[in-house]
Amino acid sequence: MLVSIMLWLLGGLLLLAVVVAGCLVLATLWIAAKAERLVPPVGRFIEIDGNRIHYVETGEGRPIVFLHGLGAQLHHFRHTLFGRFGPGYRLIALDRPGSGYSVRASGATGRLPEQADIVRRFIEALGLERPLVVGHSLGGAVTLTLAVEHPQAIAGIALLGPLTHLETRARQRFDLLYVPSRLLRRIMAYTVAIPASLKYAEPTMKFIFAPQAFPTDYMVSGGGWLGLRPAHFHATSTDVVAVEQDLGRIEQRYGEIAMPAGILFGTADRVIDIRTHGEPMRDEIEGLDFERVDGLGHMLQFIEPERVTAFIKRIAERAFAVEH
């Protein structure tokens, strides 16, 4: 009798778990569909080594390629900066593999050398003549890897609040994204991750933009909704896990960077600390143009777009002058 009751309870719990999981899957798909309805693709697609890359471009002239940060997408540049440059530049922003509408190749790891090589191949495929590369946050780490491992492909780098050094404390800020198991990462992406992300979207945005307020149009115009999709969560978690495998080695080679380089950093950045990832770079890259902005947080391009544009154009002038 007791065994029968235990089996009945176990069966009931399993049924409940299946029902809850089913509800989470349906909620995830509904949120993802809403995200894609509110922020549809706006650019073109190109196949790079099995990765389907979504990108936008505008203008004519010397090329500037933009690489976004963790969990972000190309609207972080298209919406904030593209309309401010004026003539003389060809501006290209891409969704890094797995982010936005870019699809990561089967079996891809998300490691920094892999991402940097995809960017190099993207530059070649578009026929870009040694562009300046702009990298924000994790995109800064990808840009630095590109500068170290493929210096012949680019003319210079301009980094915005970049991730530059491996630190054990950094993982603690992204505990919910650090999921080493590929299987668990996939299960979470289609069950709990997206409903939980939607629930905590506002406090998350407040943290990322702090001490400034996040823009009221960020979720649509800034592409924020696109982060609320299972594929995007999976790619973001993959990036968090992968970065630890190579950043420590890459940072040992910053002294090799001989191209024009600049860093713009907010002193109040709560996501990436200027004391760890900004100030030390002055001693690592010779001739580095280092600009610190008192009181500015992590999302520089949203809060100070004119300053960011002026900074990028200043580095571009140096980079393209060397080319000629």
Protein backbone atom coordinates (compact mmCIF):
# COMPACT_ATOMS: atom_id res chain seq x y z
CA MET A 1 0.00 0.00 0.00
CA LEU A 2 2.79 2.41 0.98
CA VAL A 3 4.69 1.57 -2.21
CA SER A 4 1.60 2.31 -4.29
CA ILE A 5 1.15 5.68 -2.60
CA MET A 6 4.81 6.56 -3.17
CA LEU A 7 4.58 5.60 -6.84
CA TRP A 8 1.38 7.65 -7.19
CA LEU A 9 3.05 10.69 -5.61
CA LEU A 10 6.14 10.28 -7.78
CA GLY A 11 3.98 10.03 -10.90
CA GLY A 12 2.09 13.15 -9.82
CA LEU A 13 5.31 15.09 -9.31
CA LEU A 14 6.63 14.00 -12.70
CA LEU A 15 3.39 15.06 -14.36
CA LEU A 16 3.53 18.41 -12.58
CA ALA A 17 7.13 18.89 -13.70
CA VAL A 18 6.16 18.14 -17.31
CA VAL A 19 3.26 20.60 -17.13
CA VAL A 20 5.46 23.34 -15.64
CA ALA A 21 8.18 22.73 -18.22
CA GLY A 22 5.59 22.83 -21.00
CA CYS A 23 4.23 26.14 -19.72
CA LEU A 24 7.76 27.57 -19.60
CA VAL A 25 8.46 26.44 -23.16
CA LEU A 26 5.22 28.03 -24.40
CA ALA A 27 5.97 31.24 -22.51
CA THR A 28 9.49 31.30 -24.00
CA LEU A 29 8.21 30.87 -27.55
CA TRP A 30 5.55 33.56 -27.02
CA ILE A 31 8.11 36.07 -25.68
CA ALA A 32 10.53 35.25 -28.51
CA ALA A 33 7.82 35.74 -31.13
CA LYS A 34 6.93 39.10 -29.62
CA ALA A 35 10.60 40.13 -29.62
CA GLU A 36 10.99 39.28 -33.31
CA ARG A 37 7.76 41.10 -34.13
CA LEU A 38 8.88 44.26 -32.34
CA VAL A 39 12.50 44.16 -33.61
CA PRO A 40 12.67 42.39 -37.00
CA PRO A 41 15.86 41.94 -39.07
CA VAL A 42 16.97 45.21 -40.67
CA GLY A 43 20.04 44.23 -42.68
CA ARG A 44 21.59 41.63 -44.93
CA PHE A 45 22.89 38.13 -44.31
CA ILE A 46 26.16 36.53 -45.32
CA GLU A 47 27.50 33.02 -44.72
CA ILE A 48 30.92 32.89 -43.04
CA ASP A 49 32.28 29.39 -42.33
CA GLY A 50 28.86 28.05 -41.40
CA ASN A 51 27.88 31.16 -39.44
CA ARG A 52 24.95 33.16 -40.85
CA ILE A 53 25.91 36.76 -40.09
CA HIS A 54 23.34 39.56 -39.99
CA TYR A 55 24.78 43.01 -40.64
CA VAL A 56 23.86 46.56 -41.61
CA GLU A 57 25.89 49.17 -43.43
CA THR A 58 25.55 52.74 -44.54
CA GLY A 59 27.65 55.43 -46.23
CA GLU A 60 30.66 55.43 -48.52
CA GLY A 61 34.33 55.92 -47.76
CA ARG A 62 36.83 54.39 -45.36
CA PRO A 63 35.31 51.39 -43.55
CA ILE A 64 34.57 51.20 -39.82
CA VAL A 65 33.35 47.88 -38.38
CA PHE A 66 31.45 47.80 -35.08
CA LEU A 67 31.42 44.83 -32.65
CA HIS A 68 28.86 44.85 -29.83
CA GLY A 69 29.19 43.51 -26.32
CA LEU A 70 27.78 40.60 -24.32
CA GLY A 71 24.11 39.90 -24.91
CA ALA A 72 23.79 42.86 -27.26
CA GLN A 73 23.32 43.30 -31.02
CA LEU A 74 24.00 45.73 -33.88
CA HIS A 75 21.32 48.24 -32.81
CA HIS A 76 23.72 49.36 -30.07
CA PHE A 77 25.57 51.17 -32.86
CA ARG A 78 23.04 51.56 -35.64
CA HIS A 79 20.56 53.35 -33.39
CA THR A 80 23.04 55.46 -31.45
CA LEU A 81 25.92 56.40 -33.77
CA PHE A 82 25.32 55.78 -37.46
CA GLY A 83 23.47 59.04 -38.07
CA ARG A 84 26.21 61.16 -36.48
CA PHE A 85 29.30 60.45 -38.60
CA GLY A 86 28.59 62.44 -41.73
CA PRO A 87 30.13 61.68 -45.15
CA GLY A 88 33.41 59.91 -45.80
CA TYR A 89 32.79 56.69 -43.88
CA ARG A 90 31.36 53.28 -44.67
CA LEU A 91 29.84 52.09 -41.39
CA ILE A 92 29.20 48.38 -40.86
CA ALA A 93 27.74 46.80 -37.71
CA LEU A 94 27.20 43.08 -37.37
CA ASP A 95 25.47 40.81 -34.91
CA ARG A 96 28.25 38.65 -33.48
CA PRO A 97 27.63 34.92 -34.08
CA GLY A 98 24.63 33.76 -32.09
CA SER A 99 23.57 37.28 -31.12
CA GLY A 100 20.75 39.29 -32.67
CA TYR A 101 19.83 37.58 -35.92
CA SER A 102 23.23 35.99 -36.56
CA VAL A 103 23.24 32.19 -36.30
CA ARG A 104 26.32 30.49 -34.85
CA ALA A 105 27.69 27.52 -36.77
CA SER A 106 27.02 24.04 -35.45
CA GLY A 107 29.82 23.02 -33.13
CA ALA A 108 31.12 26.57 -32.70
CA THR A 109 32.66 27.34 -29.31
CA GLY A 110 32.34 31.12 -29.06
CA ARG A 111 35.99 31.40 -28.03
CA LEU A 112 37.75 34.71 -28.68
CA PRO A 113 40.12 33.45 -31.45
CA GLU A 114 37.16 31.83 -33.20
CA GLN A 115 35.11 35.04 -33.08
CA ALA A 116 38.07 37.16 -34.19
CA ASP A 117 38.70 34.87 -37.16
CA ILE A 118 35.03 35.12 -38.19
CA VAL A 119 35.33 38.92 -38.13
CA ARG A 120 38.48 38.67 -40.26
CA ARG A 121 36.66 36.47 -42.76
CA PHE A 122 33.70 38.87 -42.70
CA ILE A 123 36.05 41.76 -43.55
CA GLU A 124 37.46 39.75 -46.44
CA ALA A 125 34.04 38.70 -47.72
CA LEU A 126 32.80 42.29 -47.85
CA GLY A 127 36.01 43.45 -49.50
CA LEU A 128 36.76 45.97 -46.76
CA GLU A 129 40.21 47.53 -47.08
CA ARG A 130 41.80 47.41 -43.61
CA PRO A 131 38.95 48.92 -41.59
CA LEU A 132 39.04 50.55 -38.20
CA VAL A 133 37.32 48.17 -35.75
CA VAL A 134 35.24 49.53 -32.88
CA GLY A 135 34.56 47.14 -29.99
CA HIS A 136 32.32 47.69 -26.97
CA SER A 137 32.56 45.61 -23.77
CA LEU A 138 33.09 41.94 -24.76
CA GLY A 139 33.33 43.19 -28.35
CA GLY A 140 36.45 44.99 -27.14
CA ALA A 141 38.03 41.66 -26.18
CA VAL A 142 37.18 40.27 -29.63
CA THR A 143 38.68 43.40 -31.22
CA LEU A 144 41.88 43.07 -29.19
CA THR A 145 42.14 39.41 -30.20
CA LEU A 146 41.74 40.45 -33.82
CA ALA A 147 44.50 43.08 -33.41
CA VAL A 148 46.85 40.52 -31.83
CA GLU A 149 46.19 37.55 -34.11
CA HIS A 150 45.28 39.25 -37.43
CA PRO A 151 46.93 42.70 -37.39
CA GLN A 152 47.29 42.73 -41.17
CA ALA A 153 43.49 42.73 -41.58
CA ILE A 154 42.76 46.04 -39.84
CA ALA A 155 44.08 49.60 -39.64
CA GLY A 156 43.33 50.38 -36.00
CA ILE A 157 41.10 49.74 -33.01
CA ALA A 158 38.78 51.98 -30.98
CA LEU A 159 37.52 50.40 -27.75
CA LEU A 160 34.52 51.50 -25.67
CA GLY A 161 34.48 50.28 -22.06
CA PRO A 162 36.32 47.12 -23.18
CA LEU A 163 36.83 43.83 -21.39
CA THR A 164 40.63 43.51 -21.45
CA HIS A 165 41.82 41.31 -18.57
CA LEU A 166 40.80 38.01 -17.04
CA GLU A 167 39.50 38.41 -13.49
CA THR A 168 37.82 35.79 -11.34
CA ARG A 169 35.42 38.32 -9.84
CA ALA A 170 33.94 39.10 -13.27
CA ARG A 171 32.12 35.75 -13.41
CA GLN A 172 30.25 36.59 -10.21
CA ARG A 173 28.42 39.44 -11.97
CA PHE A 174 27.09 36.96 -14.53
CA ASP A 175 26.38 33.92 -12.35
CA LEU A 176 23.07 33.14 -14.06
CA LEU A 177 24.78 33.15 -17.46
CA TYR A 178 27.72 30.96 -16.48
CA VAL A 179 26.40 27.54 -17.50
CA PRO A 180 29.33 25.26 -18.50
CA SER A 181 27.12 22.33 -19.54
CA ARG A 182 25.98 22.66 -23.16
CA LEU A 183 22.95 20.47 -22.49
CA LEU A 184 21.86 22.44 -19.43
CA ARG A 185 22.46 25.68 -21.32
CA ARG A 186 20.10 24.49 -24.06
CA ILE A 187 17.45 23.33 -21.58
CA MET A 188 17.57 26.63 -19.69
CA ALA A 189 17.34 28.62 -22.91
CA TYR A 190 13.97 27.06 -23.75
CA THR A 191 12.50 26.91 -20.24
CA VAL A 192 13.37 29.19 -17.32
CA ALA A 193 15.88 31.65 -18.81
CA ILE A 194 13.65 33.83 -20.99
CA PRO A 195 10.66 34.22 -18.61
CA ALA A 196 13.14 35.01 -15.81
CA SER A 197 15.01 37.49 -18.02
CA LEU A 198 11.76 39.26 -18.87
CA LYS A 199 10.81 39.45 -15.18
CA TYR A 200 14.16 40.99 -14.25
CA ALA A 201 14.67 43.05 -17.41
CA GLU A 202 14.20 46.41 -15.72
CA PRO A 203 16.67 45.92 -12.82
CA THR A 204 19.14 44.37 -15.26
CA MET A 205 18.95 47.39 -17.55
CA LYS A 206 19.28 49.76 -14.59
CA PHE A 207 22.48 47.98 -13.56
CA ILE A 208 23.98 47.99 -17.06
CA PHE A 209 23.23 51.68 -17.69
CA ALA A 210 23.99 52.90 -14.14
CA PRO A 211 24.60 55.52 -12.92
CA GLN A 212 22.68 56.94 -15.90
CA ALA A 213 19.04 56.02 -16.58
CA PHE A 214 18.39 53.58 -19.39
CA PRO A 215 16.57 55.11 -22.39
CA THR A 216 12.81 54.57 -22.57
CA ASP A 217 13.10 53.45 -26.19
CA TYR A 218 15.92 50.98 -25.54
CA MET A 219 13.90 47.77 -25.76
CA VAL A 220 12.71 48.50 -29.31
CA SER A 221 15.00 51.11 -30.91
CA GLY A 222 18.03 49.82 -29.03
CA GLY A 223 17.13 46.21 -29.83
CA GLY A 224 16.75 45.13 -26.19
CA TRP A 225 13.88 42.77 -26.96
CA LEU A 226 16.16 40.59 -29.07
CA GLY A 227 17.92 39.39 -25.93
CA LEU A 228 14.67 37.73 -24.86
CA ARG A 229 14.97 34.77 -27.22
CA PRO A 230 16.35 31.30 -26.45
CA ALA A 231 19.05 31.33 -29.15
CA HIS A 232 20.31 34.67 -27.90
CA PHE A 233 20.47 33.49 -24.28
CA HIS A 234 22.31 30.36 -25.38
CA ALA A 235 24.90 32.39 -27.31
CA THR A 236 25.35 34.85 -24.45
CA SER A 237 25.92 32.06 -21.95
CA THR A 238 28.33 30.40 -24.38
CA ASP A 239 30.30 33.67 -24.62
CA VAL A 240 30.52 33.98 -20.83
CA VAL A 241 31.87 30.45 -20.49
CA ALA A 242 34.24 30.72 -23.47
CA VAL A 243 35.95 34.02 -22.66
CA GLU A 244 37.87 32.50 -19.73
CA GLN A 245 39.61 30.04 -22.00
CA ASP A 246 41.64 32.59 -23.96
CA LEU A 247 41.57 36.08 -22.47
CA GLY A 248 44.41 35.40 -20.04
CA ARG A 249 46.64 34.36 -22.93
CA ILE A 250 45.55 37.17 -25.23
CA GLU A 251 46.24 39.87 -22.64
CA GLN A 252 49.87 38.78 -22.47
CA ARG A 253 50.28 39.92 -26.10
CA TYR A 254 48.87 43.46 -25.95
CA GLY A 255 52.41 44.82 -26.17
CA GLU A 256 52.56 43.50 -29.75
CA ILE A 257 49.83 45.90 -30.89
CA ALA A 258 51.53 48.55 -33.03
CA MET A 259 48.52 50.00 -34.89
CA PRO A 260 46.68 53.19 -33.85
CA ALA A 261 44.55 52.35 -30.82
CA GLY A 262 42.26 54.18 -28.45
CA ILE A 263 40.14 53.47 -25.39
CA LEU A 264 37.16 55.48 -24.13
CA PHE A 265 36.11 54.52 -20.59
CA GLY A 266 33.60 55.83 -18.07
CA THR A 267 34.91 56.11 -14.52
CA ALA A 268 31.52 55.05 -13.10
CA ASP A 269 31.23 51.87 -15.18
CA ARG A 270 29.74 49.20 -12.87
CA VAL A 271 29.89 46.38 -15.41
CA ILE A 272 33.59 46.61 -16.33
CA ASP A 273 35.88 48.41 -13.89
CA ILE A 274 38.17 51.06 -15.38
CA ARG A 275 40.80 50.28 -12.74
CA THR A 276 41.15 46.69 -13.97
CA HIS A 277 40.32 46.93 -17.66
CA GLY A 278 41.15 50.52 -18.57
CA GLU A 279 44.03 52.14 -16.69
CA PRO A 280 46.48 49.20 -17.03
CA MET A 281 46.20 49.39 -20.83
CA ARG A 282 48.14 52.65 -20.82
CA ASP A 283 51.30 50.69 -20.04
CA GLU A 284 50.52 47.84 -22.43
CA ILE A 285 49.86 49.50 -25.80
CA GLU A 286 52.40 52.06 -26.92
CA GLY A 287 50.86 55.33 -28.11
CA LEU A 288 47.41 54.43 -26.77
CA ASP A 289 44.87 57.26 -26.94
CA PHE A 290 43.17 56.90 -23.56
CA GLU A 291 40.13 59.02 -22.73
CA ARG A 292 38.39 58.68 -19.39
CA VAL A 293 35.02 60.31 -18.76
CA ASP A 294 34.17 61.13 -15.15
CA GLY A 295 30.79 59.85 -13.98
CA LEU A 296 29.94 57.94 -17.14
CA GLY A 297 28.71 54.35 -16.98
CA HIS A 298 29.02 51.36 -19.30
CA MET A 299 26.65 52.28 -22.14
CA LEU A 300 28.67 55.16 -23.50
CA GLN A 301 27.21 55.19 -27.00
CA PHE A 302 23.68 55.64 -25.64
CA ILE A 303 24.51 58.31 -23.06
CA GLU A 304 27.25 60.33 -24.84
CA PRO A 305 26.88 59.51 -28.56
CA GLU A 306 28.51 62.75 -29.72
CA ARG A 307 31.57 62.19 -27.54
CA VAL A 308 31.81 58.57 -28.69
CA THR A 309 31.52 59.58 -32.35
CA ALA A 310 34.21 62.22 -31.95
CA PHE A 311 36.48 59.68 -30.26
CA ILE A 312 36.02 57.09 -33.02
CA LYS A 313 36.63 59.69 -35.74
CA ARG A 314 39.82 60.78 -33.95
CA ILE A 315 41.18 57.23 -33.92
CA ALA A 316 40.01 56.74 -37.52
CA GLU A 317 41.97 59.80 -38.62
CA ARG A 318 45.15 58.31 -37.15
CA ALA A 319 44.47 54.82 -38.49
CA PHE A 320 43.65 55.86 -42.03
CA ALA A 321 46.49 58.40 -42.15
CA VAL A 322 48.94 55.56 -41.52
CA GLU A 323 47.35 53.63 -44.38
CA HIS A 324 48.19 56.43 -46.80
